[in-house]
Amino acid sequence: MSIFGVGEERGIYKEVRRKKILWSIIIIFTILPIVIAFNLKEELQRLSSFFWSLFLIPNIVIMILYPKWKVIVGTALFFVFFKYATHFIEEQSFNNIETVALILESFVDAAILFTVSYFVLRHNKLLKHMEKLTIVDSLTGLYNRRYFDLSMEKTIPFSQRINCPLSLIMIDIDHFKNINDKYGHLCGDEALKHIADIIKRNVRTSDAYVRFGGEEFAIILPNTDLGECKILAEHLRKDVNQSDFTYHQAHIPISISLGISLFKGENVEGFIEKADKALYTAKENGRNQVVMFRD
């Protein structure tokens, strides 16, 4: 059985098909100028610069596949060498006019390639930045609720297919309103960043950790049962409770309440609701504690 969903399999198939097409273009337009060069009739020699410019096509396609300056420069140098070597094999010598023509052609091709590369790489960088803005909380640097929803859409089906446990931790900062009221909203922002930094230090690379909203955070833990989840949650609680949070030289006590739940086949809303109920119980029982949801 495939570990990928239908949508993921289609996406992988499309990407493989796309790469096959692009590599076919690279091969065709690498071989084509060489074949033409060796079979070009003497009266068409003046068109040779046009045929050699076909090398721009595989250069640009490689740039699309691997959009990095090192790859672009390396590929450009390779094709320039290829062009000169092929020309030398064909002619067995270079005269001054041919040498100047080849060099000028190479400069023109390089100018075109690097201009296109600059705008493509800049476009890719902007796209990545825009994508990051949609899934990252600007204040804490953690992922946001949108990323949480996307992660749930992938993690739950994956956990079901490979039959591994999936746990969720919901976290709430205790008496956060009092911190805002007493020390101001800027202090509240610093408190959120303080908790976010502690979460970052304690989670694994496989975990998805987000600012859920307001003073709430959430951690999705793949391949983690309730016992392991409680150990991590308790470690987080102690780490926050023992941390030194200061604002304008004032030490401010800070703690968190945590609710944890284990996925048992319910929908996403049900899974979150279980952890939320456990979190509510933790706050009702006095805060600064971890509570497991029990069916």
Protein backbone atom coordinates (compact mmCIF):
# COMPACT_ATOMS: atom_id res chain seq x y z
CA MET A 1 0.00 0.00 0.00
CA SER A 2 1.28 3.48 -0.84
CA ILE A 3 2.09 5.79 2.07
CA PHE A 4 0.97 8.77 -0.04
CA GLY A 5 -2.57 10.04 -0.53
CA VAL A 6 -4.19 10.22 -3.95
CA GLY A 7 -3.51 13.95 -4.21
CA GLU A 8 0.13 13.51 -3.17
CA GLU A 9 0.61 10.66 -5.67
CA ARG A 10 -0.79 12.82 -8.47
CA GLY A 11 1.50 15.66 -7.44
CA ILE A 12 4.55 13.36 -7.44
CA TYR A 13 3.55 11.90 -10.82
CA LYS A 14 3.16 15.39 -12.33
CA GLU A 15 6.53 16.48 -10.95
CA VAL A 16 8.29 13.37 -12.32
CA ARG A 17 6.61 13.89 -15.71
CA ARG A 18 7.61 17.56 -15.71
CA LYS A 19 11.25 16.71 -14.98
CA LYS A 20 11.29 14.07 -17.74
CA ILE A 21 10.02 16.64 -20.25
CA LEU A 22 12.55 19.26 -19.13
CA TRP A 23 15.45 16.79 -19.28
CA SER A 24 14.32 15.74 -22.77
CA ILE A 25 14.51 19.40 -23.83
CA ILE A 26 18.00 19.69 -22.31
CA ILE A 27 19.26 16.62 -24.18
CA ILE A 28 17.65 17.59 -27.51
CA PHE A 29 18.95 21.17 -27.51
CA THR A 30 22.40 20.09 -26.36
CA ILE A 31 22.78 17.60 -29.21
CA LEU A 32 20.99 19.65 -31.91
CA PRO A 33 23.56 22.49 -32.28
CA ILE A 34 26.40 19.93 -32.45
CA VAL A 35 24.65 17.90 -35.16
CA ILE A 36 23.89 21.09 -37.11
CA ALA A 37 27.48 22.35 -36.72
CA PHE A 38 28.96 19.18 -38.22
CA ASN A 39 26.44 19.10 -41.08
CA LEU A 40 26.16 22.78 -41.89
CA LYS A 41 26.78 23.56 -45.53
CA GLU A 42 29.42 26.14 -46.32
CA GLU A 43 26.93 28.65 -47.69
CA LEU A 44 25.04 28.54 -44.35
CA GLN A 45 28.10 29.07 -42.15
CA ARG A 46 27.05 32.65 -41.50
CA LEU A 47 24.06 31.25 -39.59
CA SER A 48 26.28 29.27 -37.21
CA SER A 49 25.96 31.87 -34.43
CA PHE A 50 22.19 31.36 -34.49
CA PHE A 51 22.51 27.59 -34.15
CA TRP A 52 25.04 27.89 -31.31
CA SER A 53 22.59 30.20 -29.52
CA LEU A 54 20.33 27.15 -29.17
CA PHE A 55 22.62 26.25 -26.25
CA LEU A 56 20.73 28.95 -24.34
CA ILE A 57 17.69 26.66 -24.18
CA PRO A 58 19.29 23.85 -22.09
CA ASN A 59 20.99 26.54 -19.97
CA ILE A 60 17.66 28.17 -19.15
CA VAL A 61 15.92 24.83 -18.54
CA ILE A 62 18.67 23.75 -16.12
CA MET A 63 18.26 27.10 -14.38
CA ILE A 64 14.53 26.39 -13.97
CA LEU A 65 15.25 22.93 -12.54
CA TYR A 66 18.06 24.07 -10.24
CA PRO A 67 17.68 27.82 -9.57
CA LYS A 68 21.05 28.52 -7.93
CA TRP A 69 23.81 30.83 -9.12
CA LYS A 70 26.52 28.17 -8.75
CA VAL A 71 24.59 25.81 -11.03
CA ILE A 72 23.86 28.59 -13.54
CA VAL A 73 27.49 29.76 -13.78
CA GLY A 74 28.82 26.18 -13.88
CA THR A 75 26.38 25.20 -16.62
CA ALA A 76 27.19 28.31 -18.65
CA LEU A 77 30.95 27.60 -18.46
CA PHE A 78 30.37 23.97 -19.44
CA PHE A 79 28.38 24.90 -22.54
CA VAL A 80 30.92 27.57 -23.56
CA PHE A 81 33.70 24.98 -23.32
CA PHE A 82 31.52 22.50 -25.23
CA LYS A 83 30.90 25.06 -27.95
CA TYR A 84 34.60 25.91 -28.38
CA ALA A 85 35.66 22.24 -28.29
CA THR A 86 33.08 21.27 -30.92
CA HIS A 87 34.08 24.17 -33.15
CA PHE A 88 37.77 23.25 -32.86
CA ILE A 89 37.09 19.57 -33.67
CA GLU A 90 35.10 20.66 -36.70
CA GLU A 91 37.55 23.28 -38.01
CA GLN A 92 40.83 21.95 -36.52
CA SER A 93 41.95 25.56 -36.05
CA PHE A 94 40.79 29.06 -35.18
CA ASN A 95 41.41 32.14 -37.29
CA ASN A 96 41.20 35.61 -35.78
CA ILE A 97 37.78 36.42 -37.19
CA GLU A 98 36.26 33.14 -35.98
CA THR A 99 37.81 33.58 -32.54
CA VAL A 100 36.44 37.11 -32.16
CA ALA A 101 33.02 35.97 -33.42
CA LEU A 102 32.90 33.06 -30.96
CA ILE A 103 33.92 35.28 -28.05
CA LEU A 104 31.33 37.94 -28.94
CA GLU A 105 28.63 35.28 -29.32
CA SER A 106 29.56 33.86 -25.92
CA PHE A 107 29.33 37.30 -24.29
CA VAL A 108 25.93 37.97 -25.85
CA ASP A 109 24.61 34.54 -24.81
CA ALA A 110 26.00 35.01 -21.28
CA ALA A 111 24.36 38.44 -21.01
CA ILE A 112 20.99 36.97 -22.05
CA LEU A 113 21.36 33.98 -19.72
CA PHE A 114 22.40 35.98 -16.66
CA THR A 115 19.69 38.59 -17.23
CA VAL A 116 17.00 35.90 -17.43
CA SER A 117 18.55 34.10 -14.42
CA TYR A 118 18.52 37.26 -12.31
CA PHE A 119 14.81 37.85 -12.83
CA VAL A 120 13.88 34.17 -12.40
CA LEU A 121 15.84 33.86 -9.14
CA ARG A 122 14.43 37.14 -7.87
CA HIS A 123 10.92 35.95 -8.72
CA ASN A 124 11.52 32.63 -6.89
CA LYS A 125 12.87 34.46 -3.85
CA LEU A 126 9.79 36.71 -3.71
CA LEU A 127 7.47 33.71 -4.06
CA LYS A 128 9.19 31.91 -1.18
CA HIS A 129 9.00 35.05 0.94
CA MET A 130 5.29 35.48 0.19
CA GLU A 131 4.64 31.81 0.95
CA LYS A 132 6.48 32.16 4.26
CA LEU A 133 4.37 35.19 5.19
CA THR A 134 1.20 33.13 4.80
CA ILE A 135 2.30 30.37 7.21
CA VAL A 136 4.53 32.13 9.77
CA ASP A 137 3.41 34.26 12.72
CA SER A 138 5.28 37.56 12.38
CA LEU A 139 5.53 38.19 16.13
CA THR A 140 6.86 34.88 17.44
CA GLY A 141 8.44 33.39 14.33
CA LEU A 142 6.45 30.19 14.88
CA TYR A 143 4.14 28.78 12.26
CA ASN A 144 0.56 30.04 12.33
CA ARG A 145 -2.93 28.54 12.36
CA ARG A 146 -2.97 28.11 8.58
CA TYR A 147 0.18 25.98 8.77
CA PHE A 148 -1.42 24.00 11.61
CA ASP A 149 -4.45 23.21 9.44
CA LEU A 150 -2.25 22.20 6.49
CA SER A 151 -0.15 19.97 8.75
CA MET A 152 -3.23 18.28 10.16
CA GLU A 153 -4.51 17.57 6.64
CA LYS A 154 -1.31 15.66 5.87
CA THR A 155 -0.35 14.22 9.26
CA ILE A 156 -3.63 12.54 10.18
CA PRO A 157 -4.02 10.51 6.93
CA PHE A 158 -0.32 9.61 7.01
CA SER A 159 -0.54 8.38 10.63
CA GLN A 160 -3.60 6.31 9.76
CA ARG A 161 -1.91 4.70 6.76
CA ILE A 162 1.26 3.65 8.57
CA ASN A 163 -0.65 2.94 11.80
CA CYS A 164 1.48 5.09 14.10
CA PRO A 165 0.29 7.15 17.10
CA LEU A 166 -0.35 10.87 16.79
CA SER A 167 -0.59 13.26 19.72
CA LEU A 168 -1.49 16.90 20.17
CA ILE A 169 -0.53 19.44 22.84
CA MET A 170 -2.56 22.60 23.37
CA ILE A 171 -0.81 25.29 25.45
CA ASP A 172 -2.17 28.43 27.10
CA ILE A 173 -0.20 31.10 28.97
CA ASP A 174 -1.56 31.43 32.50
CA HIS A 175 -2.96 34.82 33.54
CA PHE A 176 -1.88 36.37 30.25
CA LYS A 177 -4.55 39.08 30.51
CA ASN A 178 -3.12 40.13 33.87
CA ILE A 179 0.34 40.47 32.30
CA ASN A 180 -1.11 42.69 29.57
CA ASP A 181 -3.13 44.78 32.03
CA LYS A 182 -0.30 45.24 34.54
CA TYR A 183 2.74 45.62 32.30
CA GLY A 184 1.23 46.61 28.94
CA HIS A 185 0.74 44.93 25.59
CA LEU A 186 4.40 45.23 24.63
CA CYS A 187 5.24 43.10 27.65
CA GLY A 188 2.57 40.66 26.52
CA ASP A 189 4.27 40.45 23.12
CA GLU A 190 7.60 39.71 24.82
CA ALA A 191 5.91 36.99 26.89
CA LEU A 192 4.60 35.36 23.71
CA LYS A 193 8.09 35.44 22.16
CA HIS A 194 9.58 34.06 25.39
CA ILE A 195 7.24 31.05 25.35
CA ALA A 196 7.79 30.56 21.61
CA ASP A 197 11.57 30.39 22.13
CA ILE A 198 11.17 27.74 24.84
CA ILE A 199 8.89 25.68 22.58
CA LYS A 200 11.43 25.87 19.74
CA ARG A 201 14.18 24.58 22.02
CA ASN A 202 12.18 21.59 23.21
CA VAL A 203 10.43 20.20 20.13
CA ARG A 204 11.79 17.70 17.61
CA THR A 205 12.32 18.40 13.93
CA SER A 206 9.38 16.11 13.11
CA ASP A 207 6.96 18.10 15.29
CA ALA A 208 4.80 20.94 13.98
CA TYR A 209 4.64 23.79 16.50
CA VAL A 210 2.42 26.83 15.97
CA ARG A 211 0.97 29.90 17.55
CA PHE A 212 -2.64 28.79 17.52
CA GLY A 213 -4.07 32.21 18.27
CA GLY A 214 -3.88 34.83 21.02
CA GLU A 215 -1.90 33.34 23.91
CA GLU A 216 -2.46 29.75 22.74
CA PHE A 217 0.10 27.47 21.11
CA ALA A 218 -0.18 23.96 19.70
CA ILE A 219 2.25 21.15 18.94
CA ILE A 220 1.47 18.22 16.62
CA LEU A 221 3.58 15.18 17.52
CA PRO A 222 3.70 12.41 14.87
CA ASN A 223 4.67 8.90 15.93
CA THR A 224 4.20 9.83 19.60
CA ASP A 225 1.94 8.07 22.08
CA LEU A 226 0.24 9.72 25.05
CA GLY A 227 2.97 8.73 27.51
CA GLU A 228 5.75 10.25 25.40
CA CYS A 229 3.59 13.29 24.76
CA LYS A 230 3.08 13.82 28.51
CA ILE A 231 6.85 13.65 29.13
CA LEU A 232 7.46 16.40 26.56
CA ALA A 233 4.55 18.49 27.86
CA GLU A 234 5.77 18.21 31.45
CA HIS A 235 9.28 19.17 30.38
CA LEU A 236 7.89 22.23 28.62
CA ARG A 237 5.85 23.22 31.67
CA LYS A 238 8.86 22.98 33.99
CA ASP A 239 11.10 24.83 31.54
CA VAL A 240 8.65 27.74 31.34
CA ASN A 241 8.00 27.78 35.08
CA GLN A 242 11.73 27.90 35.86
CA SER A 243 12.59 30.40 33.13
CA ASP A 244 13.66 33.96 33.85
CA PHE A 245 11.23 36.29 32.12
CA THR A 246 12.07 39.94 32.67
CA TYR A 247 10.61 43.10 31.22
CA HIS A 248 12.19 46.50 31.90
CA GLN A 249 14.29 44.88 34.65
CA ALA A 250 11.18 43.51 36.37
CA HIS A 251 11.04 39.75 36.92
CA ILE A 252 7.59 38.50 35.92
CA PRO A 253 6.45 35.01 36.99
CA ILE A 254 5.15 33.08 34.00
CA SER A 255 3.64 29.62 33.61
CA ILE A 256 1.61 27.59 31.14
CA SER A 257 -1.22 25.08 31.23
CA LEU A 258 -1.21 22.17 28.79
CA GLY A 259 -3.84 19.78 27.50
CA ILE A 260 -2.85 16.69 25.54
CA SER A 261 -4.80 14.18 23.48
CA LEU A 262 -4.20 11.09 21.36
CA PHE A 263 -5.72 10.74 17.90
CA LYS A 264 -8.24 7.89 17.77
CA GLY A 265 -9.86 8.21 14.37
CA GLU A 266 -12.01 11.30 14.93
CA ASN A 267 -12.01 14.28 12.58
CA VAL A 268 -9.61 17.22 13.00
CA GLU A 269 -12.11 19.27 15.00
CA GLY A 270 -12.72 16.37 17.38
CA PHE A 271 -9.00 15.83 17.86
CA ILE A 272 -8.46 19.51 18.72
CA GLU A 273 -11.53 19.57 20.95
CA LYS A 274 -10.15 16.71 23.08
CA ALA A 275 -6.90 18.59 23.72
CA ASP A 276 -8.88 21.79 24.36
CA LYS A 277 -11.03 20.06 26.98
CA ALA A 278 -7.91 18.74 28.71
CA LEU A 279 -6.45 22.27 28.63
CA TYR A 280 -9.64 23.70 30.13
CA THR A 281 -9.45 21.11 32.92
CA ALA A 282 -5.83 22.07 33.61
CA LYS A 283 -6.85 25.72 34.00
CA GLU A 284 -9.86 24.83 36.14
CA ASN A 285 -7.67 22.72 38.43
CA GLY A 286 -5.33 25.59 39.24
CA ARG A 287 -3.19 26.11 36.11
CA ASN A 288 0.54 25.39 35.63
CA GLN A 289 -0.09 21.69 34.97
CA VAL A 290 -0.46 19.04 32.28
CA VAL A 291 -3.77 17.20 31.83
CA MET A 292 -4.37 14.23 29.51
CA PHE A 293 -7.72 13.79 27.82
CA ARG A 294 -9.23 10.45 28.72
CA ASP A 295 -12.17 8.96 26.82
